[in-house]
Amino acid sequence: MDAKVTIDIRRPTAEATTLAIHGELTRLAEKPLDAAVAEAVAGGAQGIILDFSGLTYMNNKGAGLLVRLEARLRGQGRRLVVTGLNDHYRRVFRTTGLDEGIRVYTTEAQAVEAL
């Protein structure tokens, strides 16, 4: 079964990389997400911005991917933040506590400035 996700990589600054998520964040997204993060880290990113404006679906396995990713990046001295959440996913982040470990910003510009 193939992942129903694509990830576009942007470099808004030398220290920050944005990973624009399009599609579904499920367990099937683990490999594409890990590959995109590895590319960003190899390029020198100290901060990773996940842009969820193209997110169509996220389940508990997808949320688990985010928790593990945040812990891994924090252990490397890097930061993970998100942007582009619609109202539904903003509530998901708030009610699950994801927003306690992963900062949520309205725009990419705000996320870049925070990093």
N, C-alpha and C. Protein backbone atom coordinates (compact mmCIF):
# COMPACT_ATOMS: atom_id res chain seq x y z
N MET A 1 0.83 -1.17 0.00
CA MET A 1 0.00 0.00 0.00
C MET A 1 0.88 1.25 0.00
N ASP A 2 0.58 2.19 -0.88
CA ASP A 2 1.38 3.40 -1.00
C ASP A 2 0.85 4.50 -0.09
N ALA A 3 1.76 5.36 0.33
CA ALA A 3 1.37 6.51 1.12
C ALA A 3 0.54 7.46 0.27
N LYS A 4 -0.46 8.05 0.89
CA LYS A 4 -1.29 9.03 0.20
C LYS A 4 -0.87 10.42 0.65
N VAL A 5 0.43 10.66 0.53
CA VAL A 5 0.98 11.93 0.96
C VAL A 5 2.13 12.31 0.03
N THR A 6 2.24 13.60 -0.23
CA THR A 6 3.42 14.14 -0.89
C THR A 6 3.95 15.26 0.00
N ILE A 7 5.25 15.47 -0.07
CA ILE A 7 5.87 16.48 0.78
C ILE A 7 6.76 17.35 -0.09
N ASP A 8 6.43 18.63 -0.15
CA ASP A 8 7.25 19.60 -0.87
C ASP A 8 8.17 20.29 0.13
N ILE A 9 9.43 20.47 -0.28
CA ILE A 9 10.43 21.06 0.61
C ILE A 9 10.79 22.46 0.15
N ARG A 10 10.71 23.41 1.10
CA ARG A 10 11.10 24.81 0.82
C ARG A 10 12.11 25.24 1.88
N ARG A 11 12.98 26.17 1.49
CA ARG A 11 13.97 26.73 2.43
C ARG A 11 13.72 28.23 2.58
N PRO A 12 12.83 28.64 3.49
CA PRO A 12 12.58 30.07 3.65
C PRO A 12 13.78 30.83 4.20
N THR A 13 14.65 30.15 4.97
CA THR A 13 15.89 30.75 5.45
C THR A 13 16.94 29.64 5.47
N ALA A 14 18.17 30.03 5.72
CA ALA A 14 19.25 29.04 5.78
C ALA A 14 19.08 28.08 6.95
N GLU A 15 18.42 28.55 8.03
CA GLU A 15 18.28 27.73 9.23
C GLU A 15 16.95 26.99 9.31
N ALA A 16 15.99 27.36 8.47
CA ALA A 16 14.66 26.76 8.56
C ALA A 16 14.27 26.10 7.24
N THR A 17 13.63 24.96 7.35
CA THR A 17 13.11 24.26 6.19
C THR A 17 11.63 24.00 6.42
N THR A 18 10.83 24.28 5.41
CA THR A 18 9.40 24.00 5.47
C THR A 18 9.10 22.73 4.69
N LEU A 19 8.37 21.84 5.32
CA LEU A 19 7.90 20.63 4.67
C LEU A 19 6.39 20.78 4.51
N ALA A 20 5.95 21.00 3.28
CA ALA A 20 4.52 21.19 3.00
C ALA A 20 3.89 19.82 2.77
N ILE A 21 3.01 19.45 3.68
CA ILE A 21 2.36 18.14 3.66
C ILE A 21 1.07 18.24 2.84
N HIS A 22 0.95 17.38 1.84
CA HIS A 22 -0.26 17.33 1.02
C HIS A 22 -0.81 15.92 1.08
N GLY A 23 -2.04 15.77 1.59
CA GLY A 23 -2.65 14.45 1.66
C GLY A 23 -2.80 13.99 3.09
N GLU A 24 -2.58 12.69 3.29
CA GLU A 24 -2.89 12.03 4.55
C GLU A 24 -1.64 11.76 5.40
N LEU A 25 -1.76 12.09 6.68
CA LEU A 25 -0.69 11.79 7.62
C LEU A 25 -1.13 10.57 8.45
N THR A 26 -0.66 9.40 8.00
CA THR A 26 -0.96 8.12 8.64
C THR A 26 0.36 7.38 8.80
N ARG A 27 0.31 6.15 9.26
CA ARG A 27 1.55 5.37 9.40
C ARG A 27 2.26 5.22 8.07
N LEU A 28 1.52 5.28 6.96
CA LEU A 28 2.12 5.15 5.64
C LEU A 28 2.95 6.38 5.25
N ALA A 29 2.80 7.46 5.98
CA ALA A 29 3.56 8.67 5.71
C ALA A 29 4.93 8.67 6.38
N GLU A 30 5.21 7.65 7.18
CA GLU A 30 6.46 7.64 7.96
C GLU A 30 7.70 7.73 7.08
N LYS A 31 7.80 6.89 6.07
CA LYS A 31 8.99 6.89 5.22
C LYS A 31 9.14 8.21 4.45
N PRO A 32 8.09 8.71 3.78
CA PRO A 32 8.26 9.99 3.08
C PRO A 32 8.60 11.14 4.03
N LEU A 33 8.00 11.14 5.22
CA LEU A 33 8.29 12.19 6.19
C LEU A 33 9.72 12.09 6.69
N ASP A 34 10.16 10.89 7.03
CA ASP A 34 11.54 10.71 7.48
C ASP A 34 12.54 11.12 6.40
N ALA A 35 12.26 10.79 5.15
CA ALA A 35 13.16 11.16 4.04
C ALA A 35 13.22 12.67 3.89
N ALA A 36 12.08 13.35 3.99
CA ALA A 36 12.06 14.81 3.86
C ALA A 36 12.80 15.47 5.02
N VAL A 37 12.61 14.96 6.23
CA VAL A 37 13.31 15.51 7.39
C VAL A 37 14.81 15.28 7.25
N ALA A 38 15.21 14.11 6.81
CA ALA A 38 16.64 13.82 6.62
C ALA A 38 17.25 14.77 5.61
N GLU A 39 16.53 15.06 4.54
CA GLU A 39 17.03 16.01 3.53
C GLU A 39 17.17 17.41 4.13
N ALA A 40 16.19 17.81 4.93
CA ALA A 40 16.24 19.13 5.56
C ALA A 40 17.41 19.23 6.52
N VAL A 41 17.61 18.21 7.33
CA VAL A 41 18.71 18.20 8.30
C VAL A 41 20.05 18.19 7.59
N ALA A 42 20.16 17.40 6.52
CA ALA A 42 21.40 17.36 5.75
C ALA A 42 21.71 18.72 5.14
N GLY A 43 20.67 19.49 4.86
CA GLY A 43 20.85 20.83 4.30
C GLY A 43 21.14 21.89 5.36
N GLY A 44 21.23 21.48 6.62
CA GLY A 44 21.61 22.40 7.68
C GLY A 44 20.46 23.01 8.46
N ALA A 45 19.24 22.52 8.27
CA ALA A 45 18.10 23.10 8.98
C ALA A 45 18.20 22.87 10.48
N GLN A 46 18.03 23.94 11.23
CA GLN A 46 17.95 23.85 12.68
C GLN A 46 16.51 23.84 13.14
N GLY A 47 15.62 24.30 12.27
CA GLY A 47 14.19 24.31 12.54
C GLY A 47 13.43 23.71 11.38
N ILE A 48 12.45 22.88 11.70
CA ILE A 48 11.60 22.26 10.69
C ILE A 48 10.19 22.79 10.89
N ILE A 49 9.62 23.32 9.82
CA ILE A 49 8.24 23.80 9.84
C ILE A 49 7.40 22.82 9.03
N LEU A 50 6.40 22.23 9.65
CA LEU A 50 5.47 21.39 8.93
C LEU A 50 4.28 22.25 8.54
N ASP A 51 4.08 22.43 7.24
CA ASP A 51 2.96 23.22 6.72
C ASP A 51 1.82 22.25 6.41
N PHE A 52 0.77 22.32 7.21
CA PHE A 52 -0.36 21.41 7.07
C PHE A 52 -1.51 22.01 6.28
N SER A 53 -1.29 23.06 5.52
CA SER A 53 -2.39 23.65 4.77
C SER A 53 -2.94 22.71 3.70
N GLY A 54 -2.16 21.69 3.30
CA GLY A 54 -2.63 20.71 2.34
C GLY A 54 -3.01 19.38 2.97
N LEU A 55 -3.09 19.34 4.31
CA LEU A 55 -3.45 18.10 5.01
C LEU A 55 -4.92 17.80 4.81
N THR A 56 -5.22 16.57 4.39
CA THR A 56 -6.61 16.16 4.20
C THR A 56 -7.09 15.19 5.27
N TYR A 57 -6.16 14.52 5.93
CA TYR A 57 -6.55 13.52 6.94
C TYR A 57 -5.35 13.22 7.82
N MET A 58 -5.60 13.08 9.13
CA MET A 58 -4.57 12.63 10.05
C MET A 58 -5.24 11.73 11.08
N ASN A 59 -4.67 10.56 11.31
CA ASN A 59 -5.21 9.67 12.33
C ASN A 59 -4.24 9.61 13.51
N ASN A 60 -4.53 8.74 14.48
CA ASN A 60 -3.69 8.66 15.68
C ASN A 60 -2.27 8.20 15.35
N LYS A 61 -2.08 7.39 14.32
CA LYS A 61 -0.73 6.98 13.92
C LYS A 61 0.05 8.18 13.38
N GLY A 62 -0.63 9.05 12.64
CA GLY A 62 0.00 10.27 12.15
C GLY A 62 0.41 11.19 13.29
N ALA A 63 -0.46 11.30 14.29
CA ALA A 63 -0.13 12.10 15.47
C ALA A 63 1.07 11.51 16.19
N GLY A 64 1.12 10.18 16.26
CA GLY A 64 2.27 9.52 16.88
C GLY A 64 3.56 9.80 16.14
N LEU A 65 3.49 9.87 14.81
CA LEU A 65 4.68 10.23 14.02
C LEU A 65 5.19 11.60 14.43
N LEU A 66 4.28 12.53 14.65
CA LEU A 66 4.67 13.89 15.04
C LEU A 66 5.34 13.90 16.41
N VAL A 67 4.80 13.15 17.35
CA VAL A 67 5.38 13.08 18.69
C VAL A 67 6.81 12.54 18.62
N ARG A 68 6.99 11.45 17.88
CA ARG A 68 8.33 10.86 17.76
C ARG A 68 9.29 11.79 17.02
N LEU A 69 8.80 12.45 15.99
CA LEU A 69 9.64 13.37 15.23
C LEU A 69 10.09 14.54 16.11
N GLU A 70 9.15 15.10 16.87
CA GLU A 70 9.50 16.22 17.75
C GLU A 70 10.55 15.80 18.76
N ALA A 71 10.41 14.63 19.36
CA ALA A 71 11.38 14.15 20.35
C ALA A 71 12.74 13.92 19.71
N ARG A 72 12.76 13.35 18.52
CA ARG A 72 14.03 13.10 17.83
C ARG A 72 14.74 14.41 17.49
N LEU A 73 13.99 15.38 16.95
CA LEU A 73 14.61 16.66 16.59
C LEU A 73 15.08 17.41 17.84
N ARG A 74 14.28 17.39 18.90
CA ARG A 74 14.68 18.05 20.14
C ARG A 74 15.97 17.45 20.67
N GLY A 75 16.11 16.12 20.57
CA GLY A 75 17.33 15.44 21.00
C GLY A 75 18.55 15.84 20.19
N GLN A 76 18.32 16.35 18.97
CA GLN A 76 19.40 16.81 18.10
C GLN A 76 19.63 18.31 18.24
N GLY A 77 18.89 18.95 19.14
CA GLY A 77 19.01 20.41 19.30
C GLY A 77 18.28 21.18 18.23
N ARG A 78 17.31 20.56 17.57
CA ARG A 78 16.51 21.21 16.53
C ARG A 78 15.09 21.43 17.04
N ARG A 79 14.34 22.27 16.31
CA ARG A 79 12.96 22.56 16.71
C ARG A 79 11.99 22.14 15.62
N LEU A 80 10.80 21.73 16.04
CA LEU A 80 9.71 21.39 15.13
C LEU A 80 8.53 22.28 15.47
N VAL A 81 7.99 22.96 14.46
CA VAL A 81 6.79 23.77 14.62
C VAL A 81 5.86 23.46 13.45
N VAL A 82 4.58 23.85 13.63
CA VAL A 82 3.62 23.62 12.55
C VAL A 82 2.89 24.90 12.21
N THR A 83 2.37 24.91 10.99
CA THR A 83 1.57 26.02 10.50
C THR A 83 0.52 25.47 9.55
N GLY A 84 -0.45 26.29 9.23
CA GLY A 84 -1.44 25.92 8.23
C GLY A 84 -2.52 24.96 8.72
N LEU A 85 -2.71 24.85 10.03
CA LEU A 85 -3.76 23.97 10.54
C LEU A 85 -5.14 24.60 10.35
N ASN A 86 -6.09 23.82 9.85
CA ASN A 86 -7.46 24.32 9.80
C ASN A 86 -8.05 24.22 11.21
N ASP A 87 -9.29 24.70 11.37
CA ASP A 87 -9.90 24.72 12.71
C ASP A 87 -9.99 23.32 13.32
N HIS A 88 -10.32 22.33 12.52
CA HIS A 88 -10.45 20.95 13.02
C HIS A 88 -9.11 20.45 13.59
N TYR A 89 -8.05 20.58 12.82
CA TYR A 89 -6.76 20.08 13.29
C TYR A 89 -6.16 20.93 14.40
N ARG A 90 -6.53 22.20 14.44
CA ARG A 90 -6.11 23.05 15.56
C ARG A 90 -6.73 22.51 16.86
N ARG A 91 -8.02 22.10 16.79
CA ARG A 91 -8.68 21.50 17.95
C ARG A 91 -8.04 20.17 18.31
N VAL A 92 -7.69 19.37 17.31
CA VAL A 92 -7.03 18.08 17.56
C VAL A 92 -5.72 18.31 18.30
N PHE A 93 -4.93 19.27 17.85
CA PHE A 93 -3.66 19.57 18.51
C PHE A 93 -3.90 20.01 19.96
N ARG A 94 -4.92 20.84 20.16
CA ARG A 94 -5.21 21.35 21.50
C ARG A 94 -5.73 20.25 22.42
N THR A 95 -6.68 19.45 21.95
CA THR A 95 -7.29 18.45 22.83
C THR A 95 -6.37 17.26 23.11
N THR A 96 -5.45 16.96 22.19
CA THR A 96 -4.53 15.85 22.42
C THR A 96 -3.26 16.28 23.14
N GLY A 97 -3.05 17.58 23.25
CA GLY A 97 -1.84 18.09 23.88
C GLY A 97 -0.65 18.17 22.94
N LEU A 98 -0.86 17.90 21.67
CA LEU A 98 0.24 18.02 20.70
C LEU A 98 0.83 19.42 20.71
N ASP A 99 -0.03 20.43 20.94
CA ASP A 99 0.45 21.81 20.92
C ASP A 99 1.30 22.18 22.13
N GLU A 100 1.41 21.27 23.11
CA GLU A 100 2.29 21.52 24.25
C GLU A 100 3.75 21.30 23.88
N GLY A 101 4.01 20.35 22.99
CA GLY A 101 5.38 20.07 22.58
C GLY A 101 5.73 20.64 21.22
N ILE A 102 4.71 20.87 20.41
CA ILE A 102 4.93 21.38 19.05
C ILE A 102 4.17 22.70 18.92
N ARG A 103 4.89 23.78 18.80
CA ARG A 103 4.26 25.10 18.68
C ARG A 103 3.49 25.21 17.38
N VAL A 104 2.33 25.86 17.45
CA VAL A 104 1.46 26.06 16.30
C VAL A 104 1.44 27.54 15.95
N TYR A 105 1.67 27.85 14.67
CA TYR A 105 1.63 29.22 14.18
C TYR A 105 0.64 29.32 13.03
N THR A 106 0.08 30.49 12.85
CA THR A 106 -0.91 30.71 11.80
C THR A 106 -0.27 30.73 10.43
N THR A 107 0.87 31.39 10.31
CA THR A 107 1.52 31.53 9.01
C THR A 107 2.95 31.01 9.05
N GLU A 108 3.46 30.71 7.87
CA GLU A 108 4.86 30.28 7.75
C GLU A 108 5.80 31.40 8.21
N ALA A 109 5.46 32.64 7.88
CA ALA A 109 6.30 33.77 8.28
C ALA A 109 6.42 33.86 9.79
N GLN A 110 5.32 33.64 10.51
CA GLN A 110 5.37 33.65 11.98
C GLN A 110 6.22 32.51 12.50
N ALA A 111 6.10 31.34 11.88
CA ALA A 111 6.89 30.18 12.29
C ALA A 111 8.38 30.42 12.06
N VAL A 112 8.73 30.98 10.92
CA VAL A 112 10.12 31.30 10.62
C VAL A 112 10.68 32.26 11.64
N GLU A 113 9.91 33.29 11.95
CA GLU A 113 10.36 34.30 12.92
C GLU A 113 10.56 33.67 14.30
N ALA A 114 9.69 32.74 14.68
CA ALA A 114 9.80 32.08 15.99
C ALA A 114 11.01 31.17 16.09
N LEU A 115 11.44 30.62 14.96
CA LEU A 115 12.59 29.73 14.99
C LEU A 115 13.86 30.54 15.14
